[in-house]
């Protein structure tokens, strides 16, 4: 159960998230950070690692460590990411792309990299 009371372990949006990722430049084999990596793999066939428990700085550190360029942010992520999910913080490395259902997609850019 997340902080909003949702209990769905795999959002119905997972199968529909893949096409926008491709449209925004994700290549086959690019790994994503997501709340439920096995569920995402089953739904989309894309490699995924879990979003770590922590705030956006921890998220970005994991992305750098594992060379991840895309984040799939859901309501069921750690509460420390609630401000990011609701658009109340916007680290310069995170580029908001779009929303699919209640799932928000971001691209991770290095500072100075074009949006």
PDB file of N, CA and C in Angstrom:
ATOM      1  N   UNK A   1       0.848  -1.177   0.000  1.00  0.00           N
ATOM      2  CA  UNK A   1       0.000   0.000   0.000  1.00  0.00           C
ATOM      3  C   UNK A   1       0.892   1.237   0.000  1.00  0.00           C
ATOM      4  N   UNK A   2       0.625   2.155  -0.920  1.00  0.00           N
ATOM      5  CA  UNK A   2       1.430   3.371  -0.959  1.00  0.00           C
ATOM      6  C   UNK A   2       0.840   4.444  -0.053  1.00  0.00           C
ATOM      7  N   UNK A   3       1.484   5.609  -0.028  1.00  0.00           N
ATOM      8  CA  UNK A   3       1.050   6.685   0.855  1.00  0.00           C
ATOM      9  C   UNK A   3      -0.311   7.251   0.473  1.00  0.00           C
ATOM     10  N   UNK A   4      -0.793   6.937  -0.742  1.00  0.00           N
ATOM     11  CA  UNK A   4      -2.115   7.402  -1.172  1.00  0.00           C
ATOM     12  C   UNK A   4      -3.186   6.330  -1.000  1.00  0.00           C
ATOM     13  N   UNK A   5      -2.782   5.152  -0.444  1.00  0.00           N
ATOM     14  CA  UNK A   5      -3.729   4.074  -0.217  1.00  0.00           C
ATOM     15  C   UNK A   5      -3.906   3.131  -1.389  1.00  0.00           C
ATOM     16  N   UNK A   6      -3.073   3.240  -2.431  1.00  0.00           N
ATOM     17  CA  UNK A   6      -3.168   2.361  -3.592  1.00  0.00           C
ATOM     18  C   UNK A   6      -2.474   1.039  -3.312  1.00  0.00           C
ATOM     19  N   UNK A   7      -3.062  -0.050  -3.779  1.00  0.00           N
ATOM     20  CA  UNK A   7      -2.488  -1.364  -3.525  1.00  0.00           C
ATOM     21  C   UNK A   7      -2.121  -2.122  -4.792  1.00  0.00           C
ATOM     22  N   UNK A   8      -2.333  -1.567  -5.956  1.00  0.00           N
ATOM     23  CA  UNK A   8      -2.057  -2.241  -7.221  1.00  0.00           C
ATOM     24  C   UNK A   8      -0.554  -2.463  -7.390  1.00  0.00           C
ATOM     25  N   UNK A   9      -0.073  -3.735  -7.436  1.00  0.00           N
ATOM     26  CA  UNK A   9       1.359  -3.987  -7.541  1.00  0.00           C
ATOM     27  C   UNK A   9       1.929  -3.705  -8.931  1.00  0.00           C
ATOM     28  N   UNK A  10       1.115  -3.750  -9.972  1.00  0.00           N
ATOM     29  CA  UNK A  10       1.589  -3.468 -11.324  1.00  0.00           C
ATOM     30  C   UNK A  10       0.551  -2.609 -12.029  1.00  0.00           C
ATOM     31  N   UNK A  11       0.812  -1.327 -12.119  1.00  0.00           N
ATOM     32  CA  UNK A  11      -0.167  -0.445 -12.754  1.00  0.00           C
ATOM     33  C   UNK A  11      -0.526  -0.913 -14.158  1.00  0.00           C
ATOM     34  N   UNK A  12      -1.762  -0.734 -14.503  1.00  0.00           N
ATOM     35  CA  UNK A  12      -2.227  -1.123 -15.841  1.00  0.00           C
ATOM     36  C   UNK A  12      -1.511  -0.344 -16.931  1.00  0.00           C
ATOM     37  N   UNK A  13      -0.861   0.765 -16.572  1.00  0.00           N
ATOM     38  CA  UNK A  13      -0.190   1.583 -17.573  1.00  0.00           C
ATOM     39  C   UNK A  13       1.122   0.980 -18.063  1.00  0.00           C
ATOM     40  N   UNK A  14       1.687   0.003 -17.372  1.00  0.00           N
ATOM     41  CA  UNK A  14       2.979  -0.546 -17.797  1.00  0.00           C
ATOM     42  C   UNK A  14       3.026  -0.910 -19.281  1.00  0.00           C
ATOM     43  N   UNK A  15       2.060  -1.650 -19.804  1.00  0.00           N
ATOM     44  CA  UNK A  15       2.159  -1.986 -21.231  1.00  0.00           C
ATOM     45  C   UNK A  15       2.111  -0.768 -22.153  1.00  0.00           C
ATOM     46  N   UNK A  16       1.510   0.320 -21.704  1.00  0.00           N
ATOM     47  CA  UNK A  16       1.375   1.512 -22.539  1.00  0.00           C
ATOM     48  C   UNK A  16       2.506   2.523 -22.341  1.00  0.00           C
ATOM     49  N   UNK A  17       3.363   2.302 -21.391  1.00  0.00           N
ATOM     50  CA  UNK A  17       4.478   3.210 -21.127  1.00  0.00           C
ATOM     51  C   UNK A  17       5.576   3.041 -22.175  1.00  0.00           C
ATOM     52  N   UNK A  18       5.711   1.869 -22.714  1.00  0.00           N
ATOM     53  CA  UNK A  18       6.819   1.562 -23.623  1.00  0.00           C
ATOM     54  C   UNK A  18       6.828   2.426 -24.884  1.00  0.00           C
ATOM     55  N   UNK A  19       5.695   2.621 -25.512  1.00  0.00           N
ATOM     56  CA  UNK A  19       5.664   3.395 -26.766  1.00  0.00           C
ATOM     57  C   UNK A  19       6.131   4.836 -26.566  1.00  0.00           C
ATOM     58  N   UNK A  20       5.646   5.553 -25.552  1.00  0.00           N
ATOM     59  CA  UNK A  20       6.177   6.900 -25.339  1.00  0.00           C
ATOM     60  C   UNK A  20       7.681   6.904 -25.047  1.00  0.00           C
ATOM     61  N   UNK A  21       8.174   5.896 -24.324  1.00  0.00           N
ATOM     62  CA  UNK A  21       9.618   5.834 -24.085  1.00  0.00           C
ATOM     63  C   UNK A  21      10.381   5.753 -25.407  1.00  0.00           C
ATOM     64  N   UNK A  22       9.897   4.927 -26.308  1.00  0.00           N
ATOM     65  CA  UNK A  22      10.539   4.788 -27.622  1.00  0.00           C
ATOM     66  C   UNK A  22      10.458   6.114 -28.380  1.00  0.00           C
ATOM     67  N   UNK A  23       9.290   6.752 -28.342  1.00  0.00           N
ATOM     68  CA  UNK A  23       9.120   8.030 -29.031  1.00  0.00           C
ATOM     69  C   UNK A  23      10.053   9.101 -28.479  1.00  0.00           C
ATOM     70  N   UNK A  24      10.404   9.014 -27.203  1.00  0.00           N
ATOM     71  CA  UNK A  24      11.317   9.976 -26.590  1.00  0.00           C
ATOM     72  C   UNK A  24      12.773   9.527 -26.657  1.00  0.00           C
ATOM     73  N   UNK A  25      13.054   8.466 -27.412  1.00  0.00           N
ATOM     74  CA  UNK A  25      14.437   8.105 -27.685  1.00  0.00           C
ATOM     75  C   UNK A  25      14.995   6.885 -26.982  1.00  0.00           C
ATOM     76  N   UNK A  26      14.205   6.187 -26.185  1.00  0.00           N
ATOM     77  CA  UNK A  26      14.710   4.974 -25.538  1.00  0.00           C
ATOM     78  C   UNK A  26      14.983   3.912 -26.602  1.00  0.00           C
ATOM     79  N   UNK A  27      16.167   3.332 -26.513  1.00  0.00           N
ATOM     80  CA  UNK A  27      16.547   2.290 -27.461  1.00  0.00           C
ATOM     81  C   UNK A  27      16.304   0.920 -26.853  1.00  0.00           C
ATOM     82  N   UNK A  28      16.209  -0.071 -27.715  1.00  0.00           N
ATOM     83  CA  UNK A  28      16.062  -1.446 -27.250  1.00  0.00           C
ATOM     84  C   UNK A  28      17.237  -1.772 -26.331  1.00  0.00           C
ATOM     85  N   UNK A  29      16.940  -2.332 -25.192  1.00  0.00           N
ATOM     86  CA  UNK A  29      17.983  -2.687 -24.242  1.00  0.00           C
ATOM     87  C   UNK A  29      18.303  -1.618 -23.219  1.00  0.00           C
ATOM     88  N   UNK A  30      17.822  -0.377 -23.435  1.00  0.00           N
ATOM     89  CA  UNK A  30      18.021   0.657 -22.408  1.00  0.00           C
ATOM     90  C   UNK A  30      17.283   0.235 -21.139  1.00  0.00           C
ATOM     91  N   UNK A  31      17.958   0.343 -20.028  1.00  0.00           N
ATOM     92  CA  UNK A  31      17.369  -0.020 -18.741  1.00  0.00           C
ATOM     93  C   UNK A  31      16.624   1.174 -18.160  1.00  0.00           C
ATOM     94  N   UNK A  32      15.526   0.890 -17.463  1.00  0.00           N
ATOM     95  CA  UNK A  32      14.755   1.935 -16.797  1.00  0.00           C
ATOM     96  C   UNK A  32      14.770   1.703 -15.289  1.00  0.00           C
ATOM     97  N   UNK A  33      14.589   2.775 -14.537  1.00  0.00           N
ATOM     98  CA  UNK A  33      14.342   2.692 -13.104  1.00  0.00           C
ATOM     99  C   UNK A  33      12.837   2.684 -12.914  1.00  0.00           C
ATOM    100  N   UNK A  34      12.335   1.716 -12.174  1.00  0.00           N
ATOM    101  CA  UNK A  34      10.886   1.557 -11.999  1.00  0.00           C
ATOM    102  C   UNK A  34      10.626   0.910 -10.639  1.00  0.00           C
ATOM    103  N   UNK A  35       9.430   1.068 -10.141  1.00  0.00           N
ATOM    104  CA  UNK A  35       9.062   0.521  -8.844  1.00  0.00           C
ATOM    105  C   UNK A  35       9.023  -1.010  -8.833  1.00  0.00           C
ATOM    106  N   UNK A  36       8.588  -1.619  -9.923  1.00  0.00           N
ATOM    107  CA  UNK A  36       8.419  -3.072  -9.982  1.00  0.00           C
ATOM    108  C   UNK A  36       9.136  -3.617 -11.219  1.00  0.00           C
ATOM    109  N   UNK A  37      10.463  -3.828 -11.134  1.00  0.00           N
ATOM    110  CA  UNK A  37      11.209  -4.289 -12.316  1.00  0.00           C
ATOM    111  C   UNK A  37      10.698  -5.585 -12.932  1.00  0.00           C
ATOM    112  N   UNK A  38      10.392  -6.634 -12.142  1.00  0.00           N
ATOM    113  CA  UNK A  38       9.876  -7.849 -12.798  1.00  0.00           C
ATOM    114  C   UNK A  38       8.551  -7.609 -13.524  1.00  0.00           C
ATOM    115  N   UNK A  39       7.672  -6.814 -12.914  1.00  0.00           N
ATOM    116  CA  UNK A  39       6.395  -6.500 -13.552  1.00  0.00           C
ATOM    117  C   UNK A  39       6.584  -5.723 -14.835  1.00  0.00           C
ATOM    118  N   UNK A  40       7.548  -4.788 -14.830  1.00  0.00           N
ATOM    119  CA  UNK A  40       7.801  -4.015 -16.041  1.00  0.00           C
ATOM    120  C   UNK A  40       8.384  -4.905 -17.133  1.00  0.00           C
ATOM    121  N   UNK A  41       9.288  -5.798 -16.758  1.00  0.00           N
ATOM    122  CA  UNK A  41       9.874  -6.722 -17.739  1.00  0.00           C
ATOM    123  C   UNK A  41       8.775  -7.566 -18.396  1.00  0.00           C
ATOM    124  N   UNK A  42       7.870  -8.090 -17.588  1.00  0.00           N
ATOM    125  CA  UNK A  42       6.781  -8.914 -18.116  1.00  0.00           C
ATOM    126  C   UNK A  42       5.887  -8.089 -19.040  1.00  0.00           C
ATOM    127  N   UNK A  43       5.573  -6.861 -18.649  1.00  0.00           N
ATOM    128  CA  UNK A  43       4.655  -6.026 -19.428  1.00  0.00           C
ATOM    129  C   UNK A  43       5.288  -5.454 -20.690  1.00  0.00           C
ATOM    130  N   UNK A  44       6.593  -5.103 -20.624  1.00  0.00           N
ATOM    131  CA  UNK A  44       7.194  -4.362 -21.735  1.00  0.00           C
ATOM    132  C   UNK A  44       8.429  -5.023 -22.337  1.00  0.00           C
ATOM    133  N   UNK A  45       8.986  -6.022 -21.656  1.00  0.00           N
ATOM    134  CA  UNK A  45      10.172  -6.692 -22.176  1.00  0.00           C
ATOM    135  C   UNK A  45      11.430  -5.844 -22.114  1.00  0.00           C
ATOM    136  N   UNK A  46      11.448  -4.832 -21.272  1.00  0.00           N
ATOM    137  CA  UNK A  46      12.605  -3.943 -21.157  1.00  0.00           C
ATOM    138  C   UNK A  46      13.320  -4.206 -19.829  1.00  0.00           C
ATOM    139  N   UNK A  47      14.666  -4.225 -19.847  1.00  0.00           N
ATOM    140  CA  UNK A  47      15.404  -4.376 -18.585  1.00  0.00           C
ATOM    141  C   UNK A  47      15.068  -3.237 -17.632  1.00  0.00           C
ATOM    142  N   UNK A  48      14.970  -3.568 -16.359  1.00  0.00           N
ATOM    143  CA  UNK A  48      14.591  -2.565 -15.366  1.00  0.00           C
ATOM    144  C   UNK A  48      15.260  -2.876 -14.041  1.00  0.00           C
ATOM    145  N   UNK A  49      15.555  -1.819 -13.304  1.00  0.00           N
ATOM    146  CA  UNK A  49      16.037  -1.966 -11.934  1.00  0.00           C
ATOM    147  C   UNK A  49      15.123  -1.168 -11.023  1.00  0.00           C
ATOM    148  N   UNK A  50      15.132  -1.539  -9.764  1.00  0.00           N
ATOM    149  CA  UNK A  50      14.198  -0.938  -8.818  1.00  0.00           C
ATOM    150  C   UNK A  50      14.638   0.480  -8.430  1.00  0.00           C
ATOM    151  N   UNK A  51      13.664   1.338  -8.275  1.00  0.00           N
ATOM    152  CA  UNK A  51      13.914   2.673  -7.740  1.00  0.00           C
ATOM    153  C   UNK A  51      14.276   2.499  -6.272  1.00  0.00           C
ATOM    154  N   UNK A  52      15.424   3.027  -5.856  1.00  0.00           N
ATOM    155  CA  UNK A  52      15.839   2.840  -4.461  1.00  0.00           C
ATOM    156  C   UNK A  52      14.995   3.662  -3.505  1.00  0.00           C
ATOM    157  N   UNK A  53      14.989   3.238  -2.265  1.00  0.00           N
ATOM    158  CA  UNK A  53      14.301   3.972  -1.213  1.00  0.00           C
ATOM    159  C   UNK A  53      15.097   5.244  -0.932  1.00  0.00           C
ATOM    160  N   UNK A  54      14.480   6.383  -1.113  1.00  0.00           N
ATOM    161  CA  UNK A  54      15.152   7.647  -0.871  1.00  0.00           C
ATOM    162  C   UNK A  54      14.565   8.747  -1.730  1.00  0.00           C
ATOM    163  N   UNK A  55      15.209   9.902  -1.670  1.00  0.00           N
ATOM    164  CA  UNK A  55      14.721  11.061  -2.407  1.00  0.00           C
ATOM    165  C   UNK A  55      15.303  11.106  -3.815  1.00  0.00           C
ATOM    166  N   UNK A  56      15.092  12.253  -4.491  1.00  0.00           N
ATOM    167  CA  UNK A  56      15.552  12.366  -5.883  1.00  0.00           C
ATOM    168  C   UNK A  56      17.074  12.288  -6.000  1.00  0.00           C
ATOM    169  N   UNK A  57      17.820  12.667  -4.959  1.00  0.00           N
ATOM    170  CA  UNK A  57      19.279  12.547  -5.007  1.00  0.00           C
ATOM    171  C   UNK A  57      19.713  11.084  -5.013  1.00  0.00           C
ATOM    172  N   UNK A  58      19.035  10.258  -4.241  1.00  0.00           N
ATOM    173  CA  UNK A  58      19.318   8.823  -4.223  1.00  0.00           C
ATOM    174  C   UNK A  58      18.932   8.210  -5.571  1.00  0.00           C
ATOM    175  N   UNK A  59      17.807   8.637  -6.115  1.00  0.00           N
ATOM    176  CA  UNK A  59      17.363   8.179  -7.430  1.00  0.00           C
ATOM    177  C   UNK A  59      18.418   8.499  -8.498  1.00  0.00           C
ATOM    178  N   UNK A  60      18.911   9.727  -8.494  1.00  0.00           N
ATOM    179  CA  UNK A  60      19.905  10.135  -9.489  1.00  0.00           C
ATOM    180  C   UNK A  60      21.232   9.413  -9.291  1.00  0.00           C
ATOM    181  N   UNK A  61      21.604   9.142  -8.047  1.00  0.00           N
ATOM    182  CA  UNK A  61      22.837   8.391  -7.786  1.00  0.00           C
ATOM    183  C   UNK A  61      22.729   6.977  -8.349  1.00  0.00           C
ATOM    184  N   UNK A  62      21.583   6.347  -8.173  1.00  0.00           N
ATOM    185  CA  UNK A  62      21.381   5.006  -8.733  1.00  0.00           C
ATOM    186  C   UNK A  62      21.411   5.050 -10.257  1.00  0.00           C
ATOM    187  N   UNK A  63      20.814   6.069 -10.833  1.00  0.00           N
ATOM    188  CA  UNK A  63      20.814   6.205 -12.288  1.00  0.00           C
ATOM    189  C   UNK A  63      22.236   6.348 -12.819  1.00  0.00           C
ATOM    190  N   UNK A  64      23.050   7.149 -12.144  1.00  0.00           N
ATOM    191  CA  UNK A  64      24.456   7.297 -12.565  1.00  0.00           C
ATOM    192  C   UNK A  64      25.200   5.979 -12.417  1.00  0.00           C
ATOM    193  N   UNK A  65      25.013   5.314 -11.284  1.00  0.00           N
ATOM    194  CA  UNK A  65      25.732   4.061 -11.017  1.00  0.00           C
ATOM    195  C   UNK A  65      25.421   3.001 -12.064  1.00  0.00           C
ATOM    196  N   UNK A  66      24.168   2.901 -12.474  1.00  0.00           N
ATOM    197  CA  UNK A  66      23.745   1.854 -13.398  1.00  0.00           C
ATOM    198  C   UNK A  66      23.533   2.354 -14.827  1.00  0.00           C
ATOM    199  N   UNK A  67      23.914   3.614 -15.081  1.00  0.00           N
ATOM    200  CA  UNK A  67      23.824   4.216 -16.413  1.00  0.00           C
ATOM    201  C   UNK A  67      22.414   4.127 -17.000  1.00  0.00           C
ATOM    202  N   UNK A  68      21.452   4.535 -16.201  1.00  0.00           N
ATOM    203  CA  UNK A  68      20.042   4.526 -16.586  1.00  0.00           C
ATOM    204  C   UNK A  68      19.657   5.910 -17.085  1.00  0.00           C
ATOM    205  N   UNK A  69      18.909   5.971 -18.183  1.00  0.00           N
ATOM    206  CA  UNK A  69      18.494   7.249 -18.765  1.00  0.00           C
ATOM    207  C   UNK A  69      17.015   7.564 -18.566  1.00  0.00           C
ATOM    208  N   UNK A  70      16.210   6.588 -18.132  1.00  0.00           N
ATOM    209  CA  UNK A  70      14.769   6.835 -18.020  1.00  0.00           C
ATOM    210  C   UNK A  70      14.252   6.367 -16.667  1.00  0.00           C
ATOM    211  N   UNK A  71      13.308   7.136 -16.124  1.00  0.00           N
ATOM    212  CA  UNK A  71      12.662   6.815 -14.857  1.00  0.00           C
ATOM    213  C   UNK A  71      11.165   6.715 -15.104  1.00  0.00           C
ATOM    214  N   UNK A  72      10.573   5.672 -14.587  1.00  0.00           N
ATOM    215  CA  UNK A  72       9.127   5.471 -14.636  1.00  0.00           C
ATOM    216  C   UNK A  72       8.640   5.638 -13.203  1.00  0.00           C
ATOM    217  N   UNK A  73       8.027   6.771 -12.927  1.00  0.00           N
ATOM    218  CA  UNK A  73       7.648   7.134 -11.564  1.00  0.00           C
ATOM    219  C   UNK A  73       6.150   6.948 -11.367  1.00  0.00           C
ATOM    220  N   UNK A  74       5.822   6.184 -10.335  1.00  0.00           N
ATOM    221  CA  UNK A  74       4.423   5.861 -10.040  1.00  0.00           C
ATOM    222  C   UNK A  74       4.021   6.402  -8.680  1.00  0.00           C
ATOM    223  N   UNK A  75       2.743   6.343  -8.403  1.00  0.00           N
ATOM    224  CA  UNK A  75       2.258   6.752  -7.083  1.00  0.00           C
ATOM    225  C   UNK A  75       2.786   5.838  -5.998  1.00  0.00           C
ATOM    226  N   UNK A  76       3.147   4.616  -6.328  1.00  0.00           N
ATOM    227  CA  UNK A  76       3.568   3.633  -5.339  1.00  0.00           C
ATOM    228  C   UNK A  76       5.054   3.691  -5.018  1.00  0.00           C
ATOM    229  N   UNK A  77       5.750   4.731  -5.450  1.00  0.00           N
ATOM    230  CA  UNK A  77       7.167   4.872  -5.135  1.00  0.00           C
ATOM    231  C   UNK A  77       7.348   5.362  -3.705  1.00  0.00           C
ATOM    232  N   UNK A  78       8.601   5.318  -3.195  1.00  0.00           N
ATOM    233  CA  UNK A  78       8.844   5.787  -1.826  1.00  0.00           C
ATOM    234  C   UNK A  78       8.301   7.199  -1.604  1.00  0.00           C
ATOM    235  N   UNK A  79       7.803   7.435  -0.411  1.00  0.00           N
ATOM    236  CA  UNK A  79       7.188   8.742  -0.119  1.00  0.00           C
ATOM    237  C   UNK A  79       8.172   9.892  -0.284  1.00  0.00           C
ATOM    238  N   UNK A  80       9.485   9.601  -0.210  1.00  0.00           N
ATOM    239  CA  UNK A  80      10.475  10.656  -0.399  1.00  0.00           C
ATOM    240  C   UNK A  80      10.455  11.207  -1.826  1.00  0.00           C
ATOM    241  N   UNK A  81       9.827  10.479  -2.756  1.00  0.00           N
ATOM    242  CA  UNK A  81       9.719  10.939  -4.140  1.00  0.00           C
ATOM    243  C   UNK A  81       8.381  11.608  -4.438  1.00  0.00           C
ATOM    244  N   UNK A  82       7.550  11.794  -3.430  1.00  0.00           N
ATOM    245  CA  UNK A  82       6.225  12.393  -3.642  1.00  0.00           C
ATOM    246  C   UNK A  82       6.324  13.800  -4.222  1.00  0.00           C
ATOM    247  N   UNK A  83       7.282  14.589  -3.757  1.00  0.00           N
ATOM    248  CA  UNK A  83       7.416  15.957  -4.287  1.00  0.00           C
ATOM    249  C   UNK A  83       7.815  15.933  -5.757  1.00  0.00           C
ATOM    250  N   UNK A  84       8.660  15.009  -6.131  1.00  0.00           N
ATOM    251  CA  UNK A  84       9.026  14.859  -7.540  1.00  0.00           C
ATOM    252  C   UNK A  84       7.804  14.424  -8.346  1.00  0.00           C
ATOM    253  N   UNK A  85       7.094  13.427  -7.855  1.00  0.00           N
ATOM    254  CA  UNK A  85       5.903  12.913  -8.546  1.00  0.00           C
ATOM    255  C   UNK A  85       4.881  14.021  -8.765  1.00  0.00           C
ATOM    256  N   UNK A  86       4.709  14.887  -7.785  1.00  0.00           N
ATOM    257  CA  UNK A  86       3.701  15.955  -7.869  1.00  0.00           C
ATOM    258  C   UNK A  86       4.254  17.250  -8.470  1.00  0.00           C
ATOM    259  N   UNK A  87       5.491  17.211  -8.955  1.00  0.00           N
ATOM    260  CA  UNK A  87       6.067  18.370  -9.620  1.00  0.00           C
ATOM    261  C   UNK A  87       6.489  19.495  -8.698  1.00  0.00           C
ATOM    262  N   UNK A  88       6.672  19.205  -7.422  1.00  0.00           N
ATOM    263  CA  UNK A  88       7.056  20.240  -6.463  1.00  0.00           C
ATOM    264  C   UNK A  88       8.565  20.444  -6.402  1.00  0.00           C
ATOM    265  N   UNK A  89       9.327  19.498  -6.915  1.00  0.00           N
ATOM    266  CA  UNK A  89      10.773  19.648  -7.083  1.00  0.00           C
ATOM    267  C   UNK A  89      11.102  19.248  -8.510  1.00  0.00           C
ATOM    268  N   UNK A  90      12.150  19.863  -9.048  1.00  0.00           N
ATOM    269  CA  UNK A  90      12.535  19.576 -10.435  1.00  0.00           C
ATOM    270  C   UNK A  90      14.060  19.645 -10.567  1.00  0.00           C
ATOM    271  N   UNK A  91      14.747  18.567 -10.182  1.00  0.00           N
ATOM    272  CA  UNK A  91      16.200  18.570 -10.348  1.00  0.00           C
ATOM    273  C   UNK A  91      16.558  18.796 -11.821  1.00  0.00           C
ATOM    274  N   UNK A  92      17.592  19.591 -12.086  1.00  0.00           N
ATOM    275  CA  UNK A  92      17.924  19.912 -13.479  1.00  0.00           C
ATOM    276  C   UNK A  92      18.279  18.686 -14.325  1.00  0.00           C
ATOM    277  N   UNK A  93      18.732  17.605 -13.696  1.00  0.00           N
ATOM    278  CA  UNK A  93      19.074  16.397 -14.454  1.00  0.00           C
ATOM    279  C   UNK A  93      17.847  15.598 -14.902  1.00  0.00           C
ATOM    280  N   UNK A  94      16.705  15.842 -14.275  1.00  0.00           N
ATOM    281  CA  UNK A  94      15.492  15.095 -14.598  1.00  0.00           C
ATOM    282  C   UNK A  94      14.597  15.904 -15.521  1.00  0.00           C
ATOM    283  N   UNK A  95      14.370  15.380 -16.684  1.00  0.00           N
ATOM    284  CA  UNK A  95      13.513  16.026 -17.670  1.00  0.00           C
ATOM    285  C   UNK A  95      12.172  15.293 -17.721  1.00  0.00           C
ATOM    286  N   UNK A  96      11.116  15.977 -17.318  1.00  0.00           N
ATOM    287  CA  UNK A  96       9.778  15.388 -17.398  1.00  0.00           C
ATOM    288  C   UNK A  96       9.429  15.204 -18.868  1.00  0.00           C
ATOM    289  N   UNK A  97       8.932  14.006 -19.222  1.00  0.00           N
ATOM    290  CA  UNK A  97       8.559  13.721 -20.607  1.00  0.00           C
ATOM    291  C   UNK A  97       7.054  13.729 -20.807  1.00  0.00           C
ATOM    292  N   UNK A  98       6.344  12.879 -20.063  1.00  0.00           N
ATOM    293  CA  UNK A  98       4.897  12.754 -20.252  1.00  0.00           C
ATOM    294  C   UNK A  98       4.317  11.938 -19.102  1.00  0.00           C
ATOM    295  N   UNK A  99       2.995  11.870 -19.077  1.00  0.00           N
ATOM    296  CA  UNK A  99       2.285  11.042 -18.110  1.00  0.00           C
ATOM    297  C   UNK A  99       1.423  10.050 -18.872  1.00  0.00           C
ATOM    298  N   UNK A 100       1.464   8.799 -18.440  1.00  0.00           N
ATOM    299  CA  UNK A 100       0.627   7.738 -19.005  1.00  0.00           C
ATOM    300  C   UNK A 100      -0.211   7.205 -17.855  1.00  0.00           C
ATOM    301  N   UNK A 101      -1.506   7.468 -17.893  1.00  0.00           N
ATOM    302  CA  UNK A 101      -2.345   7.128 -16.742  1.00  0.00           C
ATOM    303  C   UNK A 101      -1.882   7.959 -15.558  1.00  0.00           C
ATOM    304  N   UNK A 102      -1.463   7.285 -14.485  1.00  0.00           N
ATOM    305  CA  UNK A 102      -0.908   7.997 -13.329  1.00  0.00           C
ATOM    306  C   UNK A 102       0.602   7.803 -13.236  1.00  0.00           C
ATOM    307  N   UNK A 103       1.208   7.302 -14.299  1.00  0.00           N
ATOM    308  CA  UNK A 103       2.640   7.028 -14.333  1.00  0.00           C
ATOM    309  C   UNK A 103       3.360   8.145 -15.078  1.00  0.00           C
ATOM    310  N   UNK A 104       4.383   8.696 -14.453  1.00  0.00           N
ATOM    311  CA  UNK A 104       5.124   9.816 -15.049  1.00  0.00           C
ATOM    312  C   UNK A 104       6.466   9.329 -15.566  1.00  0.00           C
ATOM    313  N   UNK A 105       6.830   9.795 -16.745  1.00  0.00           N
ATOM    314  CA  UNK A 105       8.076   9.384 -17.377  1.00  0.00           C
ATOM    315  C   UNK A 105       9.063  10.546 -17.382  1.00  0.00           C
ATOM    316  N   UNK A 106      10.308  10.234 -17.060  1.00  0.00           N
ATOM    317  CA  UNK A 106      11.380  11.219 -17.028  1.00  0.00           C
ATOM    318  C   UNK A 106      12.586  10.679 -17.784  1.00  0.00           C
ATOM    319  N   UNK A 107      13.347  11.598 -18.385  1.00  0.00           N
ATOM    320  CA  UNK A 107      14.644  11.267 -18.946  1.00  0.00           C
ATOM    321  C   UNK A 107      15.691  11.869 -18.025  1.00  0.00           C
ATOM    322  N   UNK A 108      16.763  11.144 -17.801  1.00  0.00           N
ATOM    323  CA  UNK A 108      17.856  11.645 -16.977  1.00  0.00           C
ATOM    324  C   UNK A 108      18.918  12.186 -17.910  1.00  0.00           C
ATOM    325  N   UNK A 109      19.186  13.469 -17.786  1.00  0.00           N
ATOM    326  CA  UNK A 109      20.217  14.143 -18.575  1.00  0.00           C
ATOM    327  C   UNK A 109      21.353  14.550 -17.659  1.00  0.00           C
ATOM    328  N   UNK A 110      22.552  14.525 -18.183  1.00  0.00           N
ATOM    329  CA  UNK A 110      23.677  15.087 -17.449  1.00  0.00           C
ATOM    330  C   UNK A 110      23.512  16.598 -17.493  1.00  0.00           C
ATOM    331  N   UNK A 111      24.030  17.290 -16.512  1.00  0.00           N
ATOM    332  CA  UNK A 111      23.953  18.750 -16.529  1.00  0.00           C
ATOM    333  C   UNK A 111      24.577  19.273 -17.800  1.00  0.00           C
ATOM    334  N   UNK A 112      23.872  20.180 -18.471  1.00  0.00           N
ATOM    335  CA  UNK A 112      24.362  20.756 -19.704  1.00  0.00           C
ATOM    336  C   UNK A 112      23.934  19.980 -20.945  1.00  0.00           C
ATOM    337  N   UNK A 113      23.357  18.811 -20.788  1.00  0.00           N
ATOM    338  CA  UNK A 113      22.888  18.036 -21.933  1.00  0.00           C
ATOM    339  C   UNK A 113      21.547  18.580 -22.377  1.00  0.00           C
ATOM    340  N   UNK A 114      21.284  18.633 -23.660  1.00  0.00           N
ATOM    341  CA  UNK A 114      20.055  19.237 -24.182  1.00  0.00           C
ATOM    342  C   UNK A 114      18.794  18.508 -23.776  1.00  0.00           C
ATOM    343  N   UNK A 115      17.719  19.260 -23.705  1.00  0.00           N
ATOM    344  CA  UNK A 115      16.408  18.683 -23.397  1.00  0.00           C
ATOM    345  C   UNK A 115      15.637  18.509 -24.668  1.00  0.00           C
TER     346      UNK A 115
END
